[in-house]
Amino acid sequence: MMASVATANVVIVNPTHVAVALKYEPGAGAPTVVAKGAGVIAARIREEADKHHLPMVADIPLARTLYAACDVGQEIPVDLYDAVARVLAFVMALRRKGSVAGVHNIRPMAATR
């Protein structure tokens, strides 16, 4: 599982306790969980993400939900598509800016009236 972290597009973290690595290939279906863990395993996933200069996005509710709802090798559930798509769009924007490595926080979206 740890070797699969290198293939991920993003690691979603609950800063210290949970980490879920997702891989997304356009046209190949929904994003897939390639690694997940809590505690020591989450720390190891974050180390692998750092080693491979992968973006880590701090989103506590999403990290916890993905950890509880998905197994390694499984596509994310339909009800999480929007939340994960927002994270992937954020990561793509980071890539365009050239700054993906490290832990990032997604700013709350401005309310529209």
PDB file of N, CA and C in Angstrom:
ATOM      1  N   MET A   1       0.815  -1.184   0.000  1.00  0.00           N
ATOM      2  CA  MET A   1       0.000   0.000   0.000  1.00  0.00           C
ATOM      3  C   MET A   1       0.867   1.259   0.000  1.00  0.00           C
ATOM      4  N   MET A   2       1.948   1.266   0.751  1.00  0.00           N
ATOM      5  CA  MET A   2       2.786   2.461   0.824  1.00  0.00           C
ATOM      6  C   MET A   2       3.396   2.805  -0.538  1.00  0.00           C
ATOM      7  N   ALA A   3       3.750   1.786  -1.306  1.00  0.00           N
ATOM      8  CA  ALA A   3       4.316   2.043  -2.631  1.00  0.00           C
ATOM      9  C   ALA A   3       3.296   2.731  -3.530  1.00  0.00           C
ATOM     10  N   SER A   4       2.015   2.490  -3.300  1.00  0.00           N
ATOM     11  CA  SER A   4       0.960   3.095  -4.113  1.00  0.00           C
ATOM     12  C   SER A   4       0.777   4.578  -3.836  1.00  0.00           C
ATOM     13  N   VAL A   5       1.253   5.056  -2.698  1.00  0.00           N
ATOM     14  CA  VAL A   5       1.128   6.483  -2.396  1.00  0.00           C
ATOM     15  C   VAL A   5       1.803   7.309  -3.484  1.00  0.00           C
ATOM     16  N   ALA A   6       2.905   6.837  -4.016  1.00  0.00           N
ATOM     17  CA  ALA A   6       3.626   7.566  -5.065  1.00  0.00           C
ATOM     18  C   ALA A   6       2.778   7.780  -6.313  1.00  0.00           C
ATOM     19  N   THR A   7       1.760   6.955  -6.523  1.00  0.00           N
ATOM     20  CA  THR A   7       0.911   7.082  -7.711  1.00  0.00           C
ATOM     21  C   THR A   7      -0.281   8.005  -7.481  1.00  0.00           C
ATOM     22  N   ALA A   8      -0.467   8.468  -6.259  1.00  0.00           N
ATOM     23  CA  ALA A   8      -1.632   9.281  -5.910  1.00  0.00           C
ATOM     24  C   ALA A   8      -1.523  10.686  -6.493  1.00  0.00           C
ATOM     25  N   ASN A   9      -2.680  11.311  -6.665  1.00  0.00           N
ATOM     26  CA  ASN A   9      -2.739  12.712  -7.080  1.00  0.00           C
ATOM     27  C   ASN A   9      -2.787  13.640  -5.875  1.00  0.00           C
ATOM     28  N   VAL A  10      -3.347  13.129  -4.780  1.00  0.00           N
ATOM     29  CA  VAL A  10      -3.517  13.944  -3.580  1.00  0.00           C
ATOM     30  C   VAL A  10      -3.667  13.034  -2.371  1.00  0.00           C
ATOM     31  N   VAL A  11      -3.250  13.546  -1.215  1.00  0.00           N
ATOM     32  CA  VAL A  11      -3.493  12.863   0.053  1.00  0.00           C
ATOM     33  C   VAL A  11      -4.347  13.807   0.887  1.00  0.00           C
ATOM     34  N   ILE A  12      -5.504  13.331   1.279  1.00  0.00           N
ATOM     35  CA  ILE A  12      -6.408  14.129   2.095  1.00  0.00           C
ATOM     36  C   ILE A  12      -6.157  13.747   3.542  1.00  0.00           C
ATOM     37  N   VAL A  13      -5.894  14.768   4.374  1.00  0.00           N
ATOM     38  CA  VAL A  13      -5.475  14.507   5.747  1.00  0.00           C
ATOM     39  C   VAL A  13      -6.369  15.194   6.765  1.00  0.00           C
ATOM     40  N   ASN A  14      -6.440  14.555   7.902  1.00  0.00           N
ATOM     41  CA  ASN A  14      -6.996  15.122   9.124  1.00  0.00           C
ATOM     42  C   ASN A  14      -5.713  15.384   9.897  1.00  0.00           C
ATOM     43  N   PRO A  15      -5.201  16.602   9.836  1.00  0.00           N
ATOM     44  CA  PRO A  15      -3.783  16.881   9.965  1.00  0.00           C
ATOM     45  C   PRO A  15      -2.856  15.843  10.597  1.00  0.00           C
ATOM     46  N   THR A  16      -3.248  15.197  11.677  1.00  0.00           N
ATOM     47  CA  THR A  16      -2.301  14.257  12.279  1.00  0.00           C
ATOM     48  C   THR A  16      -2.813  12.835  12.433  1.00  0.00           C
ATOM     49  N   HIS A  17      -4.106  12.619  12.358  1.00  0.00           N
ATOM     50  CA  HIS A  17      -4.636  11.302  12.708  1.00  0.00           C
ATOM     51  C   HIS A  17      -5.016  10.401  11.540  1.00  0.00           C
ATOM     52  N   VAL A  18      -5.441  10.974  10.428  1.00  0.00           N
ATOM     53  CA  VAL A  18      -5.961  10.193   9.312  1.00  0.00           C
ATOM     54  C   VAL A  18      -5.346  10.703   8.011  1.00  0.00           C
ATOM     55  N   ALA A  19      -5.067   9.787   7.085  1.00  0.00           N
ATOM     56  CA  ALA A  19      -4.592  10.153   5.747  1.00  0.00           C
ATOM     57  C   ALA A  19      -5.189   9.172   4.738  1.00  0.00           C
ATOM     58  N   VAL A  20      -5.696   9.735   3.631  1.00  0.00           N
ATOM     59  CA  VAL A  20      -6.272   8.925   2.561  1.00  0.00           C
ATOM     60  C   VAL A  20      -5.684   9.423   1.244  1.00  0.00           C
ATOM     61  N   ALA A  21      -4.981   8.541   0.532  1.00  0.00           N
ATOM     62  CA  ALA A  21      -4.372   8.891  -0.750  1.00  0.00           C
ATOM     63  C   ALA A  21      -5.310   8.496  -1.877  1.00  0.00           C
ATOM     64  N   LEU A  22      -5.561   9.443  -2.789  1.00  0.00           N
ATOM     65  CA  LEU A  22      -6.472   9.208  -3.905  1.00  0.00           C
ATOM     66  C   LEU A  22      -5.747   9.339  -5.232  1.00  0.00           C
ATOM     67  N   LYS A  23      -6.122   8.478  -6.147  1.00  0.00           N
ATOM     68  CA  LYS A  23      -5.602   8.533  -7.509  1.00  0.00           C
ATOM     69  C   LYS A  23      -6.773   8.757  -8.445  1.00  0.00           C
ATOM     70  N   TYR A  24      -6.607   9.709  -9.353  1.00  0.00           N
ATOM     71  CA  TYR A  24      -7.651   9.986 -10.335  1.00  0.00           C
ATOM     72  C   TYR A  24      -7.043  10.015 -11.724  1.00  0.00           C
ATOM     73  N   GLU A  25      -7.633   9.234 -12.619  1.00  0.00           N
ATOM     74  CA  GLU A  25      -7.227   9.229 -14.018  1.00  0.00           C
ATOM     75  C   GLU A  25      -8.437   9.652 -14.843  1.00  0.00           C
ATOM     76  N   PRO A  26      -8.362  10.843 -15.491  1.00  0.00           N
ATOM     77  CA  PRO A  26      -9.501  11.292 -16.294  1.00  0.00           C
ATOM     78  C   PRO A  26      -9.937  10.212 -17.287  1.00  0.00           C
ATOM     79  N   GLY A  27     -11.229  10.001 -17.360  1.00  0.00           N
ATOM     80  CA  GLY A  27     -11.789   9.015 -18.276  1.00  0.00           C
ATOM     81  C   GLY A  27     -11.789   7.598 -17.759  1.00  0.00           C
ATOM     82  N   ALA A  28     -11.243   7.373 -16.572  1.00  0.00           N
ATOM     83  CA  ALA A  28     -11.142   6.013 -16.040  1.00  0.00           C
ATOM     84  C   ALA A  28     -12.116   5.738 -14.904  1.00  0.00           C
ATOM     85  N   GLY A  29     -13.064   6.610 -14.683  1.00  0.00           N
ATOM     86  CA  GLY A  29     -14.011   6.410 -13.596  1.00  0.00           C
ATOM     87  C   GLY A  29     -13.721   7.331 -12.432  1.00  0.00           C
ATOM     88  N   ALA A  30     -14.285   6.989 -11.304  1.00  0.00           N
ATOM     89  CA  ALA A  30     -14.147   7.813 -10.100  1.00  0.00           C
ATOM     90  C   ALA A  30     -12.748   7.675  -9.505  1.00  0.00           C
ATOM     91  N   PRO A  31     -12.332   8.655  -8.702  1.00  0.00           N
ATOM     92  CA  PRO A  31     -11.053   8.519  -7.993  1.00  0.00           C
ATOM     93  C   PRO A  31     -11.052   7.260  -7.128  1.00  0.00           C
ATOM     94  N   THR A  32      -9.876   6.688  -6.984  1.00  0.00           N
ATOM     95  CA  THR A  32      -9.693   5.444  -6.244  1.00  0.00           C
ATOM     96  C   THR A  32      -8.807   5.680  -5.026  1.00  0.00           C
ATOM     97  N   VAL A  33      -9.131   5.036  -3.930  1.00  0.00           N
ATOM     98  CA  VAL A  33      -8.301   5.079  -2.732  1.00  0.00           C
ATOM     99  C   VAL A  33      -7.123   4.129  -2.950  1.00  0.00           C
ATOM    100  N   VAL A  34      -5.907   4.672  -2.932  1.00  0.00           N
ATOM    101  CA  VAL A  34      -4.721   3.823  -3.126  1.00  0.00           C
ATOM    102  C   VAL A  34      -4.016   3.520  -1.804  1.00  0.00           C
ATOM    103  N   ALA A  35      -4.328   4.313  -0.768  1.00  0.00           N
ATOM    104  CA  ALA A  35      -3.772   4.058   0.563  1.00  0.00           C
ATOM    105  C   ALA A  35      -4.618   4.806   1.579  1.00  0.00           C
ATOM    106  N   LYS A  36      -4.711   4.238   2.766  1.00  0.00           N
ATOM    107  CA  LYS A  36      -5.395   4.936   3.843  1.00  0.00           C
ATOM    108  C   LYS A  36      -4.867   4.415   5.164  1.00  0.00           C
ATOM    109  N   GLY A  37      -4.935   5.269   6.160  1.00  0.00           N
ATOM    110  CA  GLY A  37      -4.473   4.828   7.458  1.00  0.00           C
ATOM    111  C   GLY A  37      -4.775   5.842   8.532  1.00  0.00           C
ATOM    112  N   ALA A  38      -4.656   5.390   9.775  1.00  0.00           N
ATOM    113  CA  ALA A  38      -4.826   6.239  10.945  1.00  0.00           C
ATOM    114  C   ALA A  38      -3.598   6.074  11.824  1.00  0.00           C
ATOM    115  N   GLY A  39      -3.332   7.066  12.641  1.00  0.00           N
ATOM    116  CA  GLY A  39      -2.210   6.996  13.576  1.00  0.00           C
ATOM    117  C   GLY A  39      -0.866   6.859  12.875  1.00  0.00           C
ATOM    118  N   VAL A  40      -0.138   5.827  13.237  1.00  0.00           N
ATOM    119  CA  VAL A  40       1.209   5.599  12.692  1.00  0.00           C
ATOM    120  C   VAL A  40       1.163   5.386  11.175  1.00  0.00           C
ATOM    121  N   ILE A  41       0.156   4.695  10.697  1.00  0.00           N
ATOM    122  CA  ILE A  41       0.031   4.454   9.246  1.00  0.00           C
ATOM    123  C   ILE A  41      -0.219   5.780   8.525  1.00  0.00           C
ATOM    124  N   ALA A  42      -1.063   6.644   9.096  1.00  0.00           N
ATOM    125  CA  ALA A  42      -1.312   7.962   8.501  1.00  0.00           C
ATOM    126  C   ALA A  42      -0.019   8.771   8.444  1.00  0.00           C
ATOM    127  N   ALA A  43       0.766   8.705   9.494  1.00  0.00           N
ATOM    128  CA  ALA A  43       2.048   9.423   9.510  1.00  0.00           C
ATOM    129  C   ALA A  43       2.964   8.899   8.412  1.00  0.00           C
ATOM    130  N   ARG A  44       2.977   7.614   8.212  1.00  0.00           N
ATOM    131  CA  ARG A  44       3.808   7.004   7.159  1.00  0.00           C
ATOM    132  C   ARG A  44       3.327   7.432   5.765  1.00  0.00           C
ATOM    133  N   ILE A  45       2.009   7.505   5.578  1.00  0.00           N
ATOM    134  CA  ILE A  45       1.468   7.967   4.294  1.00  0.00           C
ATOM    135  C   ILE A  45       1.884   9.414   4.052  1.00  0.00           C
ATOM    136  N   ARG A  46       1.814  10.248   5.076  1.00  0.00           N
ATOM    137  CA  ARG A  46       2.245  11.645   4.926  1.00  0.00           C
ATOM    138  C   ARG A  46       3.740  11.728   4.593  1.00  0.00           C
ATOM    139  N   GLU A  47       4.553  10.873   5.207  1.00  0.00           N
ATOM    140  CA  GLU A  47       5.990  10.834   4.887  1.00  0.00           C
ATOM    141  C   GLU A  47       6.215  10.473   3.424  1.00  0.00           C
ATOM    142  N   GLU A  48       5.486   9.471   2.937  1.00  0.00           N
ATOM    143  CA  GLU A  48       5.599   9.075   1.522  1.00  0.00           C
ATOM    144  C   GLU A  48       5.148  10.212   0.609  1.00  0.00           C
ATOM    145  N   ALA A  49       4.084  10.901   0.990  1.00  0.00           N
ATOM    146  CA  ALA A  49       3.609  12.039   0.194  1.00  0.00           C
ATOM    147  C   ALA A  49       4.680  13.125   0.134  1.00  0.00           C
ATOM    148  N   ASP A  50       5.310  13.419   1.264  1.00  0.00           N
ATOM    149  CA  ASP A  50       6.409  14.402   1.282  1.00  0.00           C
ATOM    150  C   ASP A  50       7.550  13.943   0.380  1.00  0.00           C
ATOM    151  N   LYS A  51       7.916  12.692   0.520  1.00  0.00           N
ATOM    152  CA  LYS A  51       9.017  12.123  -0.263  1.00  0.00           C
ATOM    153  C   LYS A  51       8.788  12.266  -1.763  1.00  0.00           C
ATOM    154  N   HIS A  52       7.537  12.133  -2.194  1.00  0.00           N
ATOM    155  CA  HIS A  52       7.202  12.183  -3.623  1.00  0.00           C
ATOM    156  C   HIS A  52       6.619  13.531  -4.041  1.00  0.00           C
ATOM    157  N   HIS A  53       6.729  14.525  -3.152  1.00  0.00           N
ATOM    158  CA  HIS A  53       6.286  15.898  -3.439  1.00  0.00           C
ATOM    159  C   HIS A  53       4.816  15.962  -3.846  1.00  0.00           C
ATOM    160  N   LEU A  54       3.989  15.180  -3.155  1.00  0.00           N
ATOM    161  CA  LEU A  54       2.561  15.163  -3.435  1.00  0.00           C
ATOM    162  C   LEU A  54       1.843  16.200  -2.574  1.00  0.00           C
ATOM    163  N   PRO A  55       0.774  16.765  -3.109  1.00  0.00           N
ATOM    164  CA  PRO A  55       0.004  17.698  -2.290  1.00  0.00           C
ATOM    165  C   PRO A  55      -0.801  16.950  -1.235  1.00  0.00           C
ATOM    166  N   MET A  56      -0.866  17.542  -0.056  1.00  0.00           N
ATOM    167  CA  MET A  56      -1.722  17.031   1.005  1.00  0.00           C
ATOM    168  C   MET A  56      -2.715  18.138   1.313  1.00  0.00           C
ATOM    169  N   VAL A  57      -3.982  17.791   1.322  1.00  0.00           N
ATOM    170  CA  VAL A  57      -5.022  18.774   1.579  1.00  0.00           C
ATOM    171  C   VAL A  57      -5.663  18.449   2.917  1.00  0.00           C
ATOM    172  N   ALA A  58      -5.622  19.422   3.819  1.00  0.00           N
ATOM    173  CA  ALA A  58      -6.221  19.250   5.139  1.00  0.00           C
ATOM    174  C   ALA A  58      -7.717  19.522   5.047  1.00  0.00           C
ATOM    175  N   ASP A  59      -8.490  18.476   5.212  1.00  0.00           N
ATOM    176  CA  ASP A  59      -9.951  18.570   5.211  1.00  0.00           C
ATOM    177  C   ASP A  59     -10.435  17.495   6.182  1.00  0.00           C
ATOM    178  N   ILE A  60     -10.606  17.888   7.428  1.00  0.00           N
ATOM    179  CA  ILE A  60     -10.905  16.930   8.490  1.00  0.00           C
ATOM    180  C   ILE A  60     -12.159  16.105   8.214  1.00  0.00           C
ATOM    181  N   PRO A  61     -13.299  16.743   7.908  1.00  0.00           N
ATOM    182  CA  PRO A  61     -14.497  15.914   7.683  1.00  0.00           C
ATOM    183  C   PRO A  61     -14.358  14.974   6.492  1.00  0.00           C
ATOM    184  N   LEU A  62     -13.751  15.451   5.403  1.00  0.00           N
ATOM    185  CA  LEU A  62     -13.608  14.606   4.220  1.00  0.00           C
ATOM    186  C   LEU A  62     -12.631  13.467   4.487  1.00  0.00           C
ATOM    187  N   ALA A  63     -11.525  13.742   5.154  1.00  0.00           N
ATOM    188  CA  ALA A  63     -10.556  12.689   5.471  1.00  0.00           C
ATOM    189  C   ALA A  63     -11.210  11.597   6.320  1.00  0.00           C
ATOM    190  N   ARG A  64     -11.940  12.005   7.330  1.00  0.00           N
ATOM    191  CA  ARG A  64     -12.605  11.029   8.208  1.00  0.00           C
ATOM    192  C   ARG A  64     -13.655  10.222   7.454  1.00  0.00           C
ATOM    193  N   THR A  65     -14.413  10.902   6.599  1.00  0.00           N
ATOM    194  CA  THR A  65     -15.472  10.219   5.847  1.00  0.00           C
ATOM    195  C   THR A  65     -14.887   9.222   4.865  1.00  0.00           C
ATOM    196  N   LEU A  66     -13.861   9.638   4.116  1.00  0.00           N
ATOM    197  CA  LEU A  66     -13.222   8.721   3.163  1.00  0.00           C
ATOM    198  C   LEU A  66     -12.616   7.524   3.888  1.00  0.00           C
ATOM    199  N   TYR A  67     -11.980   7.782   5.025  1.00  0.00           N
ATOM    200  CA  TYR A  67     -11.365   6.699   5.790  1.00  0.00           C
ATOM    201  C   TYR A  67     -12.411   5.671   6.218  1.00  0.00           C
ATOM    202  N   ALA A  68     -13.554   6.156   6.668  1.00  0.00           N
ATOM    203  CA  ALA A  68     -14.601   5.249   7.155  1.00  0.00           C
ATOM    204  C   ALA A  68     -15.361   4.565   6.024  1.00  0.00           C
ATOM    205  N   ALA A  69     -15.508   5.248   4.895  1.00  0.00           N
ATOM    206  CA  ALA A  69     -16.399   4.755   3.834  1.00  0.00           C
ATOM    207  C   ALA A  69     -15.714   3.910   2.764  1.00  0.00           C
ATOM    208  N   CYS A  70     -14.403   3.999   2.660  1.00  0.00           N
ATOM    209  CA  CYS A  70     -13.717   3.357   1.524  1.00  0.00           C
ATOM    210  C   CYS A  70     -12.647   2.381   1.977  1.00  0.00           C
ATOM    211  N   ASP A  71     -12.473   1.355   1.175  1.00  0.00           N
ATOM    212  CA  ASP A  71     -11.357   0.430   1.344  1.00  0.00           C
ATOM    213  C   ASP A  71     -10.299   0.751   0.306  1.00  0.00           C
ATOM    214  N   VAL A  72      -9.081   0.327   0.543  1.00  0.00           N
ATOM    215  CA  VAL A  72      -8.003   0.503  -0.430  1.00  0.00           C
ATOM    216  C   VAL A  72      -8.383  -0.251  -1.704  1.00  0.00           C
ATOM    217  N   GLY A  73      -8.221   0.415  -2.839  1.00  0.00           N
ATOM    218  CA  GLY A  73      -8.557  -0.166  -4.130  1.00  0.00           C
ATOM    219  C   GLY A  73      -9.973   0.134  -4.578  1.00  0.00           C
ATOM    220  N   GLN A  74     -10.751   0.758  -3.719  1.00  0.00           N
ATOM    221  CA  GLN A  74     -12.148   1.048  -4.016  1.00  0.00           C
ATOM    222  C   GLN A  74     -12.301   2.479  -4.543  1.00  0.00           C
ATOM    223  N   GLU A  75     -13.237   2.649  -5.497  1.00  0.00           N
ATOM    224  CA  GLU A  75     -13.588   3.990  -5.953  1.00  0.00           C
ATOM    225  C   GLU A  75     -14.361   4.694  -4.850  1.00  0.00           C
ATOM    226  N   ILE A  76     -14.264   6.019  -4.833  1.00  0.00           N
ATOM    227  CA  ILE A  76     -14.998   6.768  -3.816  1.00  0.00           C
ATOM    228  C   ILE A  76     -16.497   6.662  -4.080  1.00  0.00           C
ATOM    229  N   PRO A  77     -17.324   6.751  -3.045  1.00  0.00           N
ATOM    230  CA  PRO A  77     -18.779   6.680  -3.230  1.00  0.00           C
ATOM    231  C   PRO A  77     -19.312   7.924  -3.947  1.00  0.00           C
ATOM    232  N   VAL A  78     -20.408   7.744  -4.632  1.00  0.00           N
ATOM    233  CA  VAL A  78     -21.025   8.811  -5.409  1.00  0.00           C
ATOM    234  C   VAL A  78     -21.302  10.045  -4.558  1.00  0.00           C
ATOM    235  N   ASP A  79     -21.725   9.854  -3.328  1.00  0.00           N
ATOM    236  CA  ASP A  79     -22.069  11.007  -2.495  1.00  0.00           C
ATOM    237  C   ASP A  79     -20.855  11.846  -2.097  1.00  0.00           C
ATOM    238  N   LEU A  80     -19.647  11.389  -2.400  1.00  0.00           N
ATOM    239  CA  LEU A  80     -18.438  12.175  -2.110  1.00  0.00           C
ATOM    240  C   LEU A  80     -17.813  12.790  -3.365  1.00  0.00           C
ATOM    241  N   TYR A  81     -18.430  12.568  -4.527  1.00  0.00           N
ATOM    242  CA  TYR A  81     -17.884  13.101  -5.769  1.00  0.00           C
ATOM    243  C   TYR A  81     -17.651  14.608  -5.704  1.00  0.00           C
ATOM    244  N   ASP A  82     -18.644  15.372  -5.259  1.00  0.00           N
ATOM    245  CA  ASP A  82     -18.508  16.831  -5.253  1.00  0.00           C
ATOM    246  C   ASP A  82     -17.352  17.286  -4.369  1.00  0.00           C
ATOM    247  N   ALA A  83     -17.266  16.746  -3.165  1.00  0.00           N
ATOM    248  CA  ALA A  83     -16.212  17.144  -2.235  1.00  0.00           C
ATOM    249  C   ALA A  83     -14.829  16.788  -2.778  1.00  0.00           C
ATOM    250  N   VAL A  84     -14.699  15.595  -3.353  1.00  0.00           N
ATOM    251  CA  VAL A  84     -13.402  15.178  -3.902  1.00  0.00           C
ATOM    252  C   VAL A  84     -13.080  15.964  -5.166  1.00  0.00           C
ATOM    253  N   ALA A  85     -14.078  16.253  -5.989  1.00  0.00           N
ATOM    254  CA  ALA A  85     -13.846  17.052  -7.196  1.00  0.00           C
ATOM    255  C   ALA A  85     -13.332  18.440  -6.828  1.00  0.00           C
ATOM    256  N   ARG A  86     -13.857  19.012  -5.756  1.00  0.00           N
ATOM    257  CA  ARG A  86     -13.387  20.323  -5.285  1.00  0.00           C
ATOM    258  C   ARG A  86     -11.911  20.246  -4.894  1.00  0.00           C
ATOM    259  N   VAL A  87     -11.529  19.183  -4.212  1.00  0.00           N
ATOM    260  CA  VAL A  87     -10.132  18.997  -3.812  1.00  0.00           C
ATOM    261  C   VAL A  87      -9.245  18.819  -5.046  1.00  0.00           C
ATOM    262  N   LEU A  88      -9.683  17.995  -5.992  1.00  0.00           N
ATOM    263  CA  LEU A  88      -8.882  17.776  -7.203  1.00  0.00           C
ATOM    264  C   LEU A  88      -8.741  19.057  -8.022  1.00  0.00           C
ATOM    265  N   ALA A  89      -9.797  19.857  -8.104  1.00  0.00           N
ATOM    266  CA  ALA A  89      -9.716  21.144  -8.814  1.00  0.00           C
ATOM    267  C   ALA A  89      -8.734  22.071  -8.116  1.00  0.00           C
ATOM    268  N   PHE A  90      -8.748  22.068  -6.798  1.00  0.00           N
ATOM    269  CA  PHE A  90      -7.809  22.862  -6.013  1.00  0.00           C
ATOM    270  C   PHE A  90      -6.367  22.437  -6.299  1.00  0.00           C
ATOM    271  N   VAL A  91      -6.144  21.124  -6.333  1.00  0.00           N
ATOM    272  CA  VAL A  91      -4.803  20.599  -6.607  1.00  0.00           C
ATOM    273  C   VAL A  91      -4.355  20.960  -8.019  1.00  0.00           C
ATOM    274  N   MET A  92      -5.268  20.889  -8.984  1.00  0.00           N
ATOM    275  CA  MET A  92      -4.914  21.275 -10.357  1.00  0.00           C
ATOM    276  C   MET A  92      -4.522  22.739 -10.418  1.00  0.00           C
ATOM    277  N   ALA A  93      -5.214  23.586  -9.674  1.00  0.00           N
ATOM    278  CA  ALA A  93      -4.864  25.009  -9.617  1.00  0.00           C
ATOM    279  C   ALA A  93      -3.477  25.194  -8.997  1.00  0.00           C
ATOM    280  N   LEU A  94      -3.176  24.418  -7.967  1.00  0.00           N
ATOM    281  CA  LEU A  94      -1.839  24.474  -7.368  1.00  0.00           C
ATOM    282  C   LEU A  94      -0.774  24.072  -8.378  1.00  0.00           C
ATOM    283  N   ARG A  95      -1.052  23.031  -9.150  1.00  0.00           N
ATOM    284  CA  ARG A  95      -0.094  22.563 -10.155  1.00  0.00           C
ATOM    285  C   ARG A  95       0.187  23.653 -11.192  1.00  0.00           C
ATOM    286  N   ARG A  96      -0.870  24.361 -11.597  1.00  0.00           N
ATOM    287  CA  ARG A  96      -0.666  25.449 -12.563  1.00  0.00           C
ATOM    288  C   ARG A  96       0.234  26.528 -11.992  1.00  0.00           C
ATOM    289  N   LYS A  97       0.160  26.728 -10.670  1.00  0.00           N
ATOM    290  CA  LYS A  97       1.005  27.718 -10.008  1.00  0.00           C
ATOM    291  C   LYS A  97       2.403  27.168  -9.717  1.00  0.00           C
ATOM    292  N   GLY A  98       2.539  25.840  -9.836  1.00  0.00           N
ATOM    293  CA  GLY A  98       3.835  25.209  -9.608  1.00  0.00           C
ATOM    294  C   GLY A  98       4.156  24.933  -8.151  1.00  0.00           C
ATOM    295  N   SER A  99       3.152  24.935  -7.281  1.00  0.00           N
ATOM    296  CA  SER A  99       3.425  24.737  -5.853  1.00  0.00           C
ATOM    297  C   SER A  99       2.497  23.693  -5.253  1.00  0.00           C
ATOM    298  N   VAL A 100       2.781  22.424  -5.491  1.00  0.00           N
ATOM    299  CA  VAL A 100       1.883  21.378  -5.005  1.00  0.00           C
ATOM    300  C   VAL A 100       2.342  20.686  -3.726  1.00  0.00           C
ATOM    301  N   ALA A 101       3.623  20.584  -3.488  1.00  0.00           N
ATOM    302  CA  ALA A 101       4.113  19.836  -2.329  1.00  0.00           C
ATOM    303  C   ALA A 101       3.698  20.511  -1.031  1.00  0.00           C
ATOM    304  N   GLY A 102       3.545  19.705   0.007  1.00  0.00           N
ATOM    305  CA  GLY A 102       3.204  20.233   1.317  1.00  0.00           C
ATOM    306  C   GLY A 102       1.735  20.087   1.654  1.00  0.00           C
ATOM    307  N   VAL A 103       1.374  20.640   2.819  1.00  0.00           N
ATOM    308  CA  VAL A 103      -0.007  20.574   3.288  1.00  0.00           C
ATOM    309  C   VAL A 103      -0.697  21.887   2.947  1.00  0.00           C
ATOM    310  N   HIS A 104      -1.885  21.775   2.371  1.00  0.00           N
ATOM    311  CA  HIS A 104      -2.652  22.943   1.951  1.00  0.00           C
ATOM    312  C   HIS A 104      -4.031  22.904   2.587  1.00  0.00           C
ATOM    313  N   ASN A 105      -4.549  24.073   2.871  1.00  0.00           N
ATOM    314  CA  ASN A 105      -5.921  24.197   3.356  1.00  0.00           C
ATOM    315  C   ASN A 105      -6.743  24.828   2.253  1.00  0.00           C
ATOM    316  N   ILE A 106      -7.906  24.258   2.001  1.00  0.00           N
ATOM    317  CA  ILE A 106      -8.809  24.865   1.040  1.00  0.00           C
ATOM    318  C   ILE A 106      -9.579  25.937   1.791  1.00  0.00           C
ATOM    319  N   ARG A 107      -9.508  27.147   1.281  1.00  0.00           N
ATOM    320  CA  ARG A 107     -10.247  28.223   1.921  1.00  0.00           C
ATOM    321  C   ARG A 107     -11.739  28.009   1.722  1.00  0.00           C
ATOM    322  N   PRO A 108     -12.518  28.353   2.729  1.00  0.00           N
ATOM    323  CA  PRO A 108     -13.968  28.226   2.556  1.00  0.00           C
ATOM    324  C   PRO A 108     -14.431  29.060   1.376  1.00  0.00           C
ATOM    325  N   MET A 109     -15.335  28.480   0.613  1.00  0.00           N
ATOM    326  CA  MET A 109     -15.858  29.201  -0.539  1.00  0.00           C
ATOM    327  C   MET A 109     -16.717  30.354  -0.056  1.00  0.00           C
ATOM    328  N   ALA A 110     -16.609  31.516  -0.744  1.00  0.00           N
ATOM    329  CA  ALA A 110     -17.394  32.682  -0.379  1.00  0.00           C
ATOM    330  C   ALA A 110     -18.873  32.404  -0.627  1.00  0.00           C
ATOM    331  N   ALA A 111     -19.677  32.857   0.273  1.00  0.00           N
ATOM    332  CA  ALA A 111     -21.126  32.665   0.132  1.00  0.00           C
ATOM    333  C   ALA A 111     -21.638  33.559  -0.993  1.00  0.00           C
ATOM    334  N   THR A 112     -22.514  33.028  -1.807  1.00  0.00           N
ATOM    335  CA  THR A 112     -23.111  33.822  -2.868  1.00  0.00           C
ATOM    336  C   THR A 112     -24.542  34.159  -2.485  1.00  0.00           C
ATOM    337  N   ARG A 113     -24.944  35.343  -2.819  1.00  0.00           N
ATOM    338  CA  ARG A 113     -26.311  35.781  -2.486  1.00  0.00           C
ATOM    339  C   ARG A 113     -27.054  36.155  -3.718  1.00  0.00           C
TER     340      ARG A 113
END
